[in-house]
Amino acid sequence: DLRKYSDGLADAIPALDANRLEQVYAAAEVKIPGGNRTKWWWAAQHMGSDYFMVCPARRSARWWDAAHPLMRSYLYLFVHAPDGPSGEYPALAHHASEIPFVFQDV
């Protein structure tokens, strides 16, 4: 469950506040219908994605904007679940599923 996952992260990263992490993700996550995963499994997945991908991207964008005020950076969140193999359950916008849209090849 999420508590075990966040406790494990807190062991690896002492500055991590596992209680606060559980509060944020427990409130934000809902069970995705179908499949055999609980809302806690999805919360742990989202927490890991945020920690390893979203937060560093946001830090990098803030750094770039501070260093280059005339050349702004932009972040986006792609949420369209495409048809086909990457749109199977769970119907989510998986890593790199935006590429056909970026290159106008849909």
PDB file of N, CA and C in Angstrom:
ATOM      1  N   ASP A   1       0.831  -1.193   0.000  1.00  0.00           N
ATOM      2  CA  ASP A   1       0.000   0.000   0.000  1.00  0.00           C
ATOM      3  C   ASP A   1       0.876   1.258   0.000  1.00  0.00           C
ATOM      4  N   LEU A   2       0.253   2.409  -0.096  1.00  0.00           N
ATOM      5  CA  LEU A   2       0.996   3.668  -0.204  1.00  0.00           C
ATOM      6  C   LEU A   2       1.846   3.931   1.028  1.00  0.00           C
ATOM      7  N   ARG A   3       1.337   3.584   2.184  1.00  0.00           N
ATOM      8  CA  ARG A   3       2.090   3.846   3.421  1.00  0.00           C
ATOM      9  C   ARG A   3       3.413   3.080   3.424  1.00  0.00           C
ATOM     10  N   LYS A   4       3.385   1.823   3.033  1.00  0.00           N
ATOM     11  CA  LYS A   4       4.618   1.032   2.969  1.00  0.00           C
ATOM     12  C   LYS A   4       5.579   1.631   1.946  1.00  0.00           C
ATOM     13  N   TYR A   5       5.029   2.053   0.810  1.00  0.00           N
ATOM     14  CA  TYR A   5       5.859   2.654  -0.243  1.00  0.00           C
ATOM     15  C   TYR A   5       6.487   3.953   0.245  1.00  0.00           C
ATOM     16  N   SER A   6       5.680   4.837   0.849  1.00  0.00           N
ATOM     17  CA  SER A   6       6.210   6.118   1.319  1.00  0.00           C
ATOM     18  C   SER A   6       7.187   5.924   2.476  1.00  0.00           C
ATOM     19  N   ASP A   7       6.940   4.941   3.342  1.00  0.00           N
ATOM     20  CA  ASP A   7       7.902   4.637   4.405  1.00  0.00           C
ATOM     21  C   ASP A   7       9.219   4.149   3.814  1.00  0.00           C
ATOM     22  N   GLY A   8       9.137   3.334   2.775  1.00  0.00           N
ATOM     23  CA  GLY A   8      10.343   2.858   2.101  1.00  0.00           C
ATOM     24  C   GLY A   8      11.114   3.996   1.467  1.00  0.00           C
ATOM     25  N   LEU A   9      10.400   4.922   0.854  1.00  0.00           N
ATOM     26  CA  LEU A   9      11.058   6.105   0.281  1.00  0.00           C
ATOM     27  C   LEU A   9      11.702   6.950   1.372  1.00  0.00           C
ATOM     28  N   ALA A  10      11.007   7.087   2.492  1.00  0.00           N
ATOM     29  CA  ALA A  10      11.542   7.888   3.594  1.00  0.00           C
ATOM     30  C   ALA A  10      12.820   7.264   4.152  1.00  0.00           C
ATOM     31  N   ASP A  11      12.898   5.930   4.151  1.00  0.00           N
ATOM     32  CA  ASP A  11      14.132   5.268   4.579  1.00  0.00           C
ATOM     33  C   ASP A  11      15.279   5.610   3.632  1.00  0.00           C
ATOM     34  N   ALA A  12      14.975   5.660   2.334  1.00  0.00           N
ATOM     35  CA  ALA A  12      16.001   5.949   1.337  1.00  0.00           C
ATOM     36  C   ALA A  12      16.320   7.439   1.255  1.00  0.00           C
ATOM     37  N   ILE A  13      15.331   8.271   1.533  1.00  0.00           N
ATOM     38  CA  ILE A  13      15.487   9.729   1.432  1.00  0.00           C
ATOM     39  C   ILE A  13      15.047  10.322   2.768  1.00  0.00           C
ATOM     40  N   PRO A  14      15.973  10.496   3.713  1.00  0.00           N
ATOM     41  CA  PRO A  14      15.605  10.916   5.072  1.00  0.00           C
ATOM     42  C   PRO A  14      14.830  12.231   5.148  1.00  0.00           C
ATOM     43  N   ALA A  15      15.035  13.147   4.212  1.00  0.00           N
ATOM     44  CA  ALA A  15      14.346  14.442   4.270  1.00  0.00           C
ATOM     45  C   ALA A  15      12.875  14.336   3.857  1.00  0.00           C
ATOM     46  N   LEU A  16      12.461  13.209   3.342  1.00  0.00           N
ATOM     47  CA  LEU A  16      11.098  13.023   2.867  1.00  0.00           C
ATOM     48  C   LEU A  16      10.128  12.926   4.038  1.00  0.00           C
ATOM     49  N   ASP A  17       9.022  13.633   3.973  1.00  0.00           N
ATOM     50  CA  ASP A  17       7.988  13.579   5.003  1.00  0.00           C
ATOM     51  C   ASP A  17       6.912  12.585   4.552  1.00  0.00           C
ATOM     52  N   ALA A  18       7.046  11.344   4.984  1.00  0.00           N
ATOM     53  CA  ALA A  18       6.133  10.288   4.542  1.00  0.00           C
ATOM     54  C   ALA A  18       4.693  10.580   4.941  1.00  0.00           C
ATOM     55  N   ASN A  19       4.469  11.185   6.101  1.00  0.00           N
ATOM     56  CA  ASN A  19       3.097  11.503   6.523  1.00  0.00           C
ATOM     57  C   ASN A  19       2.454  12.504   5.584  1.00  0.00           C
ATOM     58  N   ARG A  20       3.190  13.543   5.216  1.00  0.00           N
ATOM     59  CA  ARG A  20       2.649  14.556   4.301  1.00  0.00           C
ATOM     60  C   ARG A  20       2.412  13.961   2.918  1.00  0.00           C
ATOM     61  N   LEU A  21       3.322  13.111   2.489  1.00  0.00           N
ATOM     62  CA  LEU A  21       3.183  12.456   1.194  1.00  0.00           C
ATOM     63  C   LEU A  21       1.896  11.644   1.145  1.00  0.00           C
ATOM     64  N   GLU A  22       1.651  10.897   2.201  1.00  0.00           N
ATOM     65  CA  GLU A  22       0.443  10.077   2.253  1.00  0.00           C
ATOM     66  C   GLU A  22      -0.808  10.955   2.242  1.00  0.00           C
ATOM     67  N   GLN A  23      -0.780  12.085   2.957  1.00  0.00           N
ATOM     68  CA  GLN A  23      -1.933  12.996   2.969  1.00  0.00           C
ATOM     69  C   GLN A  23      -2.235  13.517   1.573  1.00  0.00           C
ATOM     70  N   VAL A  24      -1.207  13.990   0.879  1.00  0.00           N
ATOM     71  CA  VAL A  24      -1.403  14.583  -0.446  1.00  0.00           C
ATOM     72  C   VAL A  24      -1.939  13.561  -1.437  1.00  0.00           C
ATOM     73  N   TYR A  25      -1.284  12.408  -1.528  1.00  0.00           N
ATOM     74  CA  TYR A  25      -1.684  11.439  -2.534  1.00  0.00           C
ATOM     75  C   TYR A  25      -2.935  10.659  -2.150  1.00  0.00           C
ATOM     76  N   ALA A  26      -3.196  10.469  -0.880  1.00  0.00           N
ATOM     77  CA  ALA A  26      -4.425   9.790  -0.461  1.00  0.00           C
ATOM     78  C   ALA A  26      -5.636  10.644  -0.819  1.00  0.00           C
ATOM     79  N   ALA A  27      -5.508  11.949  -0.667  1.00  0.00           N
ATOM     80  CA  ALA A  27      -6.621  12.850  -0.977  1.00  0.00           C
ATOM     81  C   ALA A  27      -6.823  13.000  -2.480  1.00  0.00           C
ATOM     82  N   ALA A  28      -5.739  12.954  -3.241  1.00  0.00           N
ATOM     83  CA  ALA A  28      -5.817  13.243  -4.675  1.00  0.00           C
ATOM     84  C   ALA A  28      -6.168  12.025  -5.512  1.00  0.00           C
ATOM     85  N   GLU A  29      -5.850  10.848  -5.053  1.00  0.00           N
ATOM     86  CA  GLU A  29      -6.018   9.654  -5.869  1.00  0.00           C
ATOM     87  C   GLU A  29      -7.406   9.042  -5.719  1.00  0.00           C
ATOM     88  N   VAL A  30      -7.923   8.560  -6.805  1.00  0.00           N
ATOM     89  CA  VAL A  30      -9.174   7.811  -6.791  1.00  0.00           C
ATOM     90  C   VAL A  30      -8.918   6.471  -7.473  1.00  0.00           C
ATOM     91  N   LYS A  31      -9.734   5.508  -7.181  1.00  0.00           N
ATOM     92  CA  LYS A  31      -9.559   4.203  -7.805  1.00  0.00           C
ATOM     93  C   LYS A  31      -9.947   4.290  -9.272  1.00  0.00           C
ATOM     94  N   ILE A  32      -9.083   3.805 -10.134  1.00  0.00           N
ATOM     95  CA  ILE A  32      -9.378   3.762 -11.557  1.00  0.00           C
ATOM     96  C   ILE A  32     -10.191   2.503 -11.798  1.00  0.00           C
ATOM     97  N   PRO A  33     -11.357   2.639 -12.441  1.00  0.00           N
ATOM     98  CA  PRO A  33     -12.227   1.468 -12.610  1.00  0.00           C
ATOM     99  C   PRO A  33     -11.576   0.396 -13.477  1.00  0.00           C
ATOM    100  N   GLY A  34     -11.882  -0.837 -13.158  1.00  0.00           N
ATOM    101  CA  GLY A  34     -11.347  -1.961 -13.926  1.00  0.00           C
ATOM    102  C   GLY A  34      -9.950  -2.329 -13.461  1.00  0.00           C
ATOM    103  N   GLY A  35      -9.439  -3.389 -14.020  1.00  0.00           N
ATOM    104  CA  GLY A  35      -8.093  -3.804 -13.663  1.00  0.00           C
ATOM    105  C   GLY A  35      -8.029  -4.345 -12.242  1.00  0.00           C
ATOM    106  N   ASN A  36      -6.831  -4.648 -11.792  1.00  0.00           N
ATOM    107  CA  ASN A  36      -6.687  -5.223 -10.463  1.00  0.00           C
ATOM    108  C   ASN A  36      -5.765  -4.384  -9.588  1.00  0.00           C
ATOM    109  N   ARG A  37      -5.658  -3.114  -9.847  1.00  0.00           N
ATOM    110  CA  ARG A  37      -4.799  -2.223  -9.071  1.00  0.00           C
ATOM    111  C   ARG A  37      -5.657  -1.369  -8.147  1.00  0.00           C
ATOM    112  N   THR A  38      -5.164  -1.150  -6.935  1.00  0.00           N
ATOM    113  CA  THR A  38      -5.896  -0.310  -5.986  1.00  0.00           C
ATOM    114  C   THR A  38      -5.535   1.149  -6.195  1.00  0.00           C
ATOM    115  N   LYS A  39      -6.288   2.025  -5.542  1.00  0.00           N
ATOM    116  CA  LYS A  39      -5.969   3.441  -5.623  1.00  0.00           C
ATOM    117  C   LYS A  39      -4.593   3.719  -5.014  1.00  0.00           C
ATOM    118  N   TRP A  40      -4.169   2.906  -4.057  1.00  0.00           N
ATOM    119  CA  TRP A  40      -2.865   3.100  -3.422  1.00  0.00           C
ATOM    120  C   TRP A  40      -1.735   2.740  -4.370  1.00  0.00           C
ATOM    121  N   TRP A  41      -1.953   1.724  -5.188  1.00  0.00           N
ATOM    122  CA  TRP A  41      -0.947   1.366  -6.181  1.00  0.00           C
ATOM    123  C   TRP A  41      -0.769   2.518  -7.158  1.00  0.00           C
ATOM    124  N   TRP A  42      -1.905   3.088  -7.628  1.00  0.00           N
ATOM    125  CA  TRP A  42      -1.830   4.219  -8.555  1.00  0.00           C
ATOM    126  C   TRP A  42      -1.215   5.433  -7.874  1.00  0.00           C
ATOM    127  N   ALA A  43      -1.535   5.660  -6.614  1.00  0.00           N
ATOM    128  CA  ALA A  43      -0.944   6.785  -5.881  1.00  0.00           C
ATOM    129  C   ALA A  43       0.566   6.634  -5.819  1.00  0.00           C
ATOM    130  N   ALA A  44       1.039   5.416  -5.549  1.00  0.00           N
ATOM    131  CA  ALA A  44       2.480   5.175  -5.502  1.00  0.00           C
ATOM    132  C   ALA A  44       3.111   5.395  -6.871  1.00  0.00           C
ATOM    133  N   GLN A  45       2.438   4.976  -7.930  1.00  0.00           N
ATOM    134  CA  GLN A  45       2.959   5.203  -9.281  1.00  0.00           C
ATOM    135  C   GLN A  45       3.069   6.696  -9.584  1.00  0.00           C
ATOM    136  N   HIS A  46       2.025   7.435  -9.260  1.00  0.00           N
ATOM    137  CA  HIS A  46       2.023   8.878  -9.520  1.00  0.00           C
ATOM    138  C   HIS A  46       3.055   9.600  -8.665  1.00  0.00           C
ATOM    139  N   MET A  47       3.203   9.161  -7.420  1.00  0.00           N
ATOM    140  CA  MET A  47       4.186   9.768  -6.534  1.00  0.00           C
ATOM    141  C   MET A  47       5.589   9.544  -7.093  1.00  0.00           C
ATOM    142  N   GLY A  48       5.876   8.341  -7.546  1.00  0.00           N
ATOM    143  CA  GLY A  48       7.184   8.056  -8.132  1.00  0.00           C
ATOM    144  C   GLY A  48       7.424   8.856  -9.393  1.00  0.00           C
ATOM    145  N   SER A  49       6.407   8.960 -10.242  1.00  0.00           N
ATOM    146  CA  SER A  49       6.536   9.763 -11.469  1.00  0.00           C
ATOM    147  C   SER A  49       6.785  11.224 -11.147  1.00  0.00           C
ATOM    148  N   ASP A  50       6.060  11.743 -10.179  1.00  0.00           N
ATOM    149  CA  ASP A  50       6.267  13.139  -9.780  1.00  0.00           C
ATOM    150  C   ASP A  50       7.693  13.344  -9.276  1.00  0.00           C
ATOM    151  N   TYR A  51       8.153  12.436  -8.424  1.00  0.00           N
ATOM    152  CA  TYR A  51       9.471  12.584  -7.812  1.00  0.00           C
ATOM    153  C   TYR A  51      10.596  12.512  -8.839  1.00  0.00           C
ATOM    154  N   PHE A  52      10.501  11.543  -9.763  1.00  0.00           N
ATOM    155  CA  PHE A  52      11.599  11.329 -10.696  1.00  0.00           C
ATOM    156  C   PHE A  52      11.478  12.103 -11.996  1.00  0.00           C
ATOM    157  N   MET A  53      10.275  12.537 -12.381  1.00  0.00           N
ATOM    158  CA  MET A  53      10.100  13.197 -13.674  1.00  0.00           C
ATOM    159  C   MET A  53       9.547  14.623 -13.560  1.00  0.00           C
ATOM    160  N   VAL A  54       8.408  14.784 -12.924  1.00  0.00           N
ATOM    161  CA  VAL A  54       7.724  16.077 -12.903  1.00  0.00           C
ATOM    162  C   VAL A  54       8.499  17.120 -12.102  1.00  0.00           C
ATOM    163  N   CYS A  55       8.895  16.771 -10.890  1.00  0.00           N
ATOM    164  CA  CYS A  55       9.604  17.750 -10.056  1.00  0.00           C
ATOM    165  C   CYS A  55      10.926  18.196 -10.675  1.00  0.00           C
ATOM    166  N   PRO A  56      11.780  17.285 -11.184  1.00  0.00           N
ATOM    167  CA  PRO A  56      13.010  17.748 -11.832  1.00  0.00           C
ATOM    168  C   PRO A  56      12.738  18.602 -13.072  1.00  0.00           C
ATOM    169  N   ALA A  57      11.696  18.276 -13.833  1.00  0.00           N
ATOM    170  CA  ALA A  57      11.362  19.079 -15.012  1.00  0.00           C
ATOM    171  C   ALA A  57      10.953  20.489 -14.598  1.00  0.00           C
ATOM    172  N   ARG A  58      10.170  20.594 -13.534  1.00  0.00           N
ATOM    173  CA  ARG A  58       9.752  21.920 -13.055  1.00  0.00           C
ATOM    174  C   ARG A  58      10.949  22.714 -12.535  1.00  0.00           C
ATOM    175  N   ARG A  59      11.853  22.042 -11.809  1.00  0.00           N
ATOM    176  CA  ARG A  59      13.065  22.730 -11.331  1.00  0.00           C
ATOM    177  C   ARG A  59      13.909  23.212 -12.505  1.00  0.00           C
ATOM    178  N   SER A  60      14.056  22.375 -13.523  1.00  0.00           N
ATOM    179  CA  SER A  60      14.846  22.754 -14.702  1.00  0.00           C
ATOM    180  C   SER A  60      14.219  23.947 -15.424  1.00  0.00           C
ATOM    181  N   ALA A  61      12.902  23.935 -15.560  1.00  0.00           N
ATOM    182  CA  ALA A  61      12.217  25.047 -16.226  1.00  0.00           C
ATOM    183  C   ALA A  61      12.393  26.342 -15.436  1.00  0.00           C
ATOM    184  N   ARG A  62      12.290  26.274 -14.109  1.00  0.00           N
ATOM    185  CA  ARG A  62      12.496  27.482 -13.287  1.00  0.00           C
ATOM    186  C   ARG A  62      13.937  27.975 -13.413  1.00  0.00           C
ATOM    187  N   TRP A  63      14.893  27.040 -13.411  1.00  0.00           N
ATOM    188  CA  TRP A  63      16.292  27.430 -13.567  1.00  0.00           C
ATOM    189  C   TRP A  63      16.506  28.109 -14.908  1.00  0.00           C
ATOM    190  N   TRP A  64      15.970  27.524 -15.979  1.00  0.00           N
ATOM    191  CA  TRP A  64      16.141  28.094 -17.316  1.00  0.00           C
ATOM    192  C   TRP A  64      15.538  29.493 -17.380  1.00  0.00           C
ATOM    193  N   ASP A  65      14.343  29.660 -16.853  1.00  0.00           N
ATOM    194  CA  ASP A  65      13.686  30.971 -16.885  1.00  0.00           C
ATOM    195  C   ASP A  65      14.481  32.019 -16.117  1.00  0.00           C
ATOM    196  N   ALA A  66      15.085  31.622 -14.998  1.00  0.00           N
ATOM    197  CA  ALA A  66      15.901  32.568 -14.227  1.00  0.00           C
ATOM    198  C   ALA A  66      17.183  32.920 -14.979  1.00  0.00           C
ATOM    199  N   ALA A  67      17.764  31.947 -15.667  1.00  0.00           N
ATOM    200  CA  ALA A  67      19.025  32.173 -16.367  1.00  0.00           C
ATOM    201  C   ALA A  67      18.830  32.836 -17.725  1.00  0.00           C
ATOM    202  N   HIS A  68      17.675  32.660 -18.345  1.00  0.00           N
ATOM    203  CA  HIS A  68      17.421  33.172 -19.699  1.00  0.00           C
ATOM    204  C   HIS A  68      16.054  33.854 -19.757  1.00  0.00           C
ATOM    205  N   PRO A  69      15.915  35.041 -19.179  1.00  0.00           N
ATOM    206  CA  PRO A  69      14.582  35.668 -19.103  1.00  0.00           C
ATOM    207  C   PRO A  69      13.959  36.002 -20.462  1.00  0.00           C
ATOM    208  N   LEU A  70      14.749  36.114 -21.508  1.00  0.00           N
ATOM    209  CA  LEU A  70      14.185  36.433 -22.823  1.00  0.00           C
ATOM    210  C   LEU A  70      13.817  35.181 -23.626  1.00  0.00           C
ATOM    211  N   MET A  71      14.192  34.010 -23.137  1.00  0.00           N
ATOM    212  CA  MET A  71      13.883  32.751 -23.825  1.00  0.00           C
ATOM    213  C   MET A  71      13.156  31.843 -22.834  1.00  0.00           C
ATOM    214  N   ARG A  72      11.862  32.019 -22.700  1.00  0.00           N
ATOM    215  CA  ARG A  72      11.068  31.296 -21.705  1.00  0.00           C
ATOM    216  C   ARG A  72      10.974  29.813 -22.023  1.00  0.00           C
ATOM    217  N   SER A  73      10.848  29.019 -20.983  1.00  0.00           N
ATOM    218  CA  SER A  73      10.609  27.583 -21.138  1.00  0.00           C
ATOM    219  C   SER A  73       9.128  27.312 -20.890  1.00  0.00           C
ATOM    220  N   TYR A  74       8.656  26.205 -21.421  1.00  0.00           N
ATOM    221  CA  TYR A  74       7.258  25.840 -21.256  1.00  0.00           C
ATOM    222  C   TYR A  74       7.166  24.362 -20.907  1.00  0.00           C
ATOM    223  N   LEU A  75       6.306  24.037 -19.980  1.00  0.00           N
ATOM    224  CA  LEU A  75       6.011  22.656 -19.631  1.00  0.00           C
ATOM    225  C   LEU A  75       4.578  22.369 -20.054  1.00  0.00           C
ATOM    226  N   TYR A  76       4.311  21.129 -20.392  1.00  0.00           N
ATOM    227  CA  TYR A  76       2.938  20.755 -20.719  1.00  0.00           C
ATOM    228  C   TYR A  76       2.635  19.391 -20.115  1.00  0.00           C
ATOM    229  N   LEU A  77       1.379  19.142 -19.914  1.00  0.00           N
ATOM    230  CA  LEU A  77       0.911  17.857 -19.405  1.00  0.00           C
ATOM    231  C   LEU A  77      -0.003  17.272 -20.465  1.00  0.00           C
ATOM    232  N   PHE A  78       0.434  16.216 -21.087  1.00  0.00           N
ATOM    233  CA  PHE A  78      -0.328  15.576 -22.154  1.00  0.00           C
ATOM    234  C   PHE A  78      -1.226  14.510 -21.534  1.00  0.00           C
ATOM    235  N   VAL A  79      -2.524  14.647 -21.659  1.00  0.00           N
ATOM    236  CA  VAL A  79      -3.453  13.721 -21.001  1.00  0.00           C
ATOM    237  C   VAL A  79      -4.371  12.972 -21.966  1.00  0.00           C
ATOM    238  N   HIS A  80      -4.230  13.200 -23.269  1.00  0.00           N
ATOM    239  CA  HIS A  80      -5.074  12.494 -24.232  1.00  0.00           C
ATOM    240  C   HIS A  80      -4.636  11.037 -24.320  1.00  0.00           C
ATOM    241  N   ALA A  81      -5.553  10.123 -24.062  1.00  0.00           N
ATOM    242  CA  ALA A  81      -5.242   8.696 -24.179  1.00  0.00           C
ATOM    243  C   ALA A  81      -5.468   8.273 -25.622  1.00  0.00           C
ATOM    244  N   PRO A  82      -4.403   7.956 -26.347  1.00  0.00           N
ATOM    245  CA  PRO A  82      -4.549   7.608 -27.763  1.00  0.00           C
ATOM    246  C   PRO A  82      -5.179   6.239 -27.970  1.00  0.00           C
ATOM    247  N   ASP A  83      -5.725   6.015 -29.160  1.00  0.00           N
ATOM    248  CA  ASP A  83      -6.232   4.692 -29.521  1.00  0.00           C
ATOM    249  C   ASP A  83      -5.044   3.781 -29.805  1.00  0.00           C
ATOM    250  N   GLY A  84      -5.289   2.507 -29.801  1.00  0.00           N
ATOM    251  CA  GLY A  84      -4.231   1.565 -30.147  1.00  0.00           C
ATOM    252  C   GLY A  84      -3.554   0.978 -28.929  1.00  0.00           C
ATOM    253  N   PRO A  85      -2.405   0.330 -29.138  1.00  0.00           N
ATOM    254  CA  PRO A  85      -1.751  -0.411 -28.052  1.00  0.00           C
ATOM    255  C   PRO A  85      -1.478   0.424 -26.807  1.00  0.00           C
ATOM    256  N   SER A  86      -1.087   1.692 -26.967  1.00  0.00           N
ATOM    257  CA  SER A  86      -0.795   2.484 -25.775  1.00  0.00           C
ATOM    258  C   SER A  86      -2.065   3.035 -25.139  1.00  0.00           C
ATOM    259  N   GLY A  87      -3.225   2.813 -25.753  1.00  0.00           N
ATOM    260  CA  GLY A  87      -4.484   3.264 -25.183  1.00  0.00           C
ATOM    261  C   GLY A  87      -5.264   2.151 -24.511  1.00  0.00           C
ATOM    262  N   GLU A  88      -4.663   0.958 -24.404  1.00  0.00           N
ATOM    263  CA  GLU A  88      -5.333  -0.147 -23.729  1.00  0.00           C
ATOM    264  C   GLU A  88      -5.431   0.149 -22.244  1.00  0.00           C
ATOM    265  N   TYR A  89      -6.236  -0.663 -21.529  1.00  0.00           N
ATOM    266  CA  TYR A  89      -6.400  -0.422 -20.091  1.00  0.00           C
ATOM    267  C   TYR A  89      -5.054  -0.423 -19.396  1.00  0.00           C
ATOM    268  N   PRO A  90      -4.786   0.494 -18.531  1.00  0.00           N
ATOM    269  CA  PRO A  90      -5.644   1.643 -18.286  1.00  0.00           C
ATOM    270  C   PRO A  90      -5.469   2.678 -19.386  1.00  0.00           C
ATOM    271  N   ALA A  91      -6.548   3.276 -19.813  1.00  0.00           N
ATOM    272  CA  ALA A  91      -6.494   4.259 -20.887  1.00  0.00           C
ATOM    273  C   ALA A  91      -5.861   5.541 -20.359  1.00  0.00           C
ATOM    274  N   LEU A  92      -4.571   5.612 -20.491  1.00  0.00           N
ATOM    275  CA  LEU A  92      -3.811   6.764 -20.006  1.00  0.00           C
ATOM    276  C   LEU A  92      -2.896   7.268 -21.101  1.00  0.00           C
ATOM    277  N   ALA A  93      -2.443   8.484 -20.958  1.00  0.00           N
ATOM    278  CA  ALA A  93      -1.455   9.022 -21.878  1.00  0.00           C
ATOM    279  C   ALA A  93      -0.090   8.579 -21.385  1.00  0.00           C
ATOM    280  N   HIS A  94       0.432   7.534 -21.989  1.00  0.00           N
ATOM    281  CA  HIS A  94       1.691   6.961 -21.554  1.00  0.00           C
ATOM    282  C   HIS A  94       2.881   7.775 -22.063  1.00  0.00           C
ATOM    283  N   HIS A  95       4.049   7.455 -21.542  1.00  0.00           N
ATOM    284  CA  HIS A  95       5.283   8.142 -21.913  1.00  0.00           C
ATOM    285  C   HIS A  95       5.438   8.157 -23.431  1.00  0.00           C
ATOM    286  N   ALA A  96       5.686   9.335 -23.968  1.00  0.00           N
ATOM    287  CA  ALA A  96       5.941   9.568 -25.396  1.00  0.00           C
ATOM    288  C   ALA A  96       4.705   9.437 -26.275  1.00  0.00           C
ATOM    289  N   SER A  97       3.505   9.301 -25.704  1.00  0.00           N
ATOM    290  CA  SER A  97       2.310   9.169 -26.540  1.00  0.00           C
ATOM    291  C   SER A  97       1.950  10.479 -27.241  1.00  0.00           C
ATOM    292  N   GLU A  98       2.598  11.578 -26.845  1.00  0.00           N
ATOM    293  CA  GLU A  98       2.335  12.856 -27.506  1.00  0.00           C
ATOM    294  C   GLU A  98       3.146  13.055 -28.776  1.00  0.00           C
ATOM    295  N   ILE A  99       4.137  12.221 -29.017  1.00  0.00           N
ATOM    296  CA  ILE A  99       5.050  12.438 -30.146  1.00  0.00           C
ATOM    297  C   ILE A  99       4.332  12.524 -31.491  1.00  0.00           C
ATOM    298  N   PRO A 100       3.382  11.642 -31.816  1.00  0.00           N
ATOM    299  CA  PRO A 100       2.687  11.794 -33.103  1.00  0.00           C
ATOM    300  C   PRO A 100       1.963  13.140 -33.228  1.00  0.00           C
ATOM    301  N   PHE A 101       1.495  13.678 -32.111  1.00  0.00           N
ATOM    302  CA  PHE A 101       0.795  14.965 -32.151  1.00  0.00           C
ATOM    303  C   PHE A 101       1.784  16.113 -32.349  1.00  0.00           C
ATOM    304  N   VAL A 102       2.942  16.005 -31.722  1.00  0.00           N
ATOM    305  CA  VAL A 102       3.968  17.043 -31.859  1.00  0.00           C
ATOM    306  C   VAL A 102       4.429  17.142 -33.310  1.00  0.00           C
ATOM    307  N   PHE A 103       4.616  15.981 -33.954  1.00  0.00           N
ATOM    308  CA  PHE A 103       5.115  15.957 -35.323  1.00  0.00           C
ATOM    309  C   PHE A 103       3.988  15.866 -36.345  1.00  0.00           C
ATOM    310  N   GLN A 104       2.758  16.075 -35.902  1.00  0.00           N
ATOM    311  CA  GLN A 104       1.566  16.085 -36.773  1.00  0.00           C
ATOM    312  C   GLN A 104       1.485  14.837 -37.643  1.00  0.00           C
ATOM    313  N   ASP A 105       1.617  13.688 -36.981  1.00  0.00           N
ATOM    314  CA  ASP A 105       1.611  12.410 -37.689  1.00  0.00           C
ATOM    315  C   ASP A 105       0.534  11.504 -37.110  1.00  0.00           C
ATOM    316  N   VAL A 106      -0.679  12.051 -36.898  1.00  0.00           N
ATOM    317  CA  VAL A 106      -1.766  11.243 -36.333  1.00  0.00           C
ATOM    318  C   VAL A 106      -2.815  10.943 -37.367  1.00  0.00           C
TER     319      VAL A 106
END
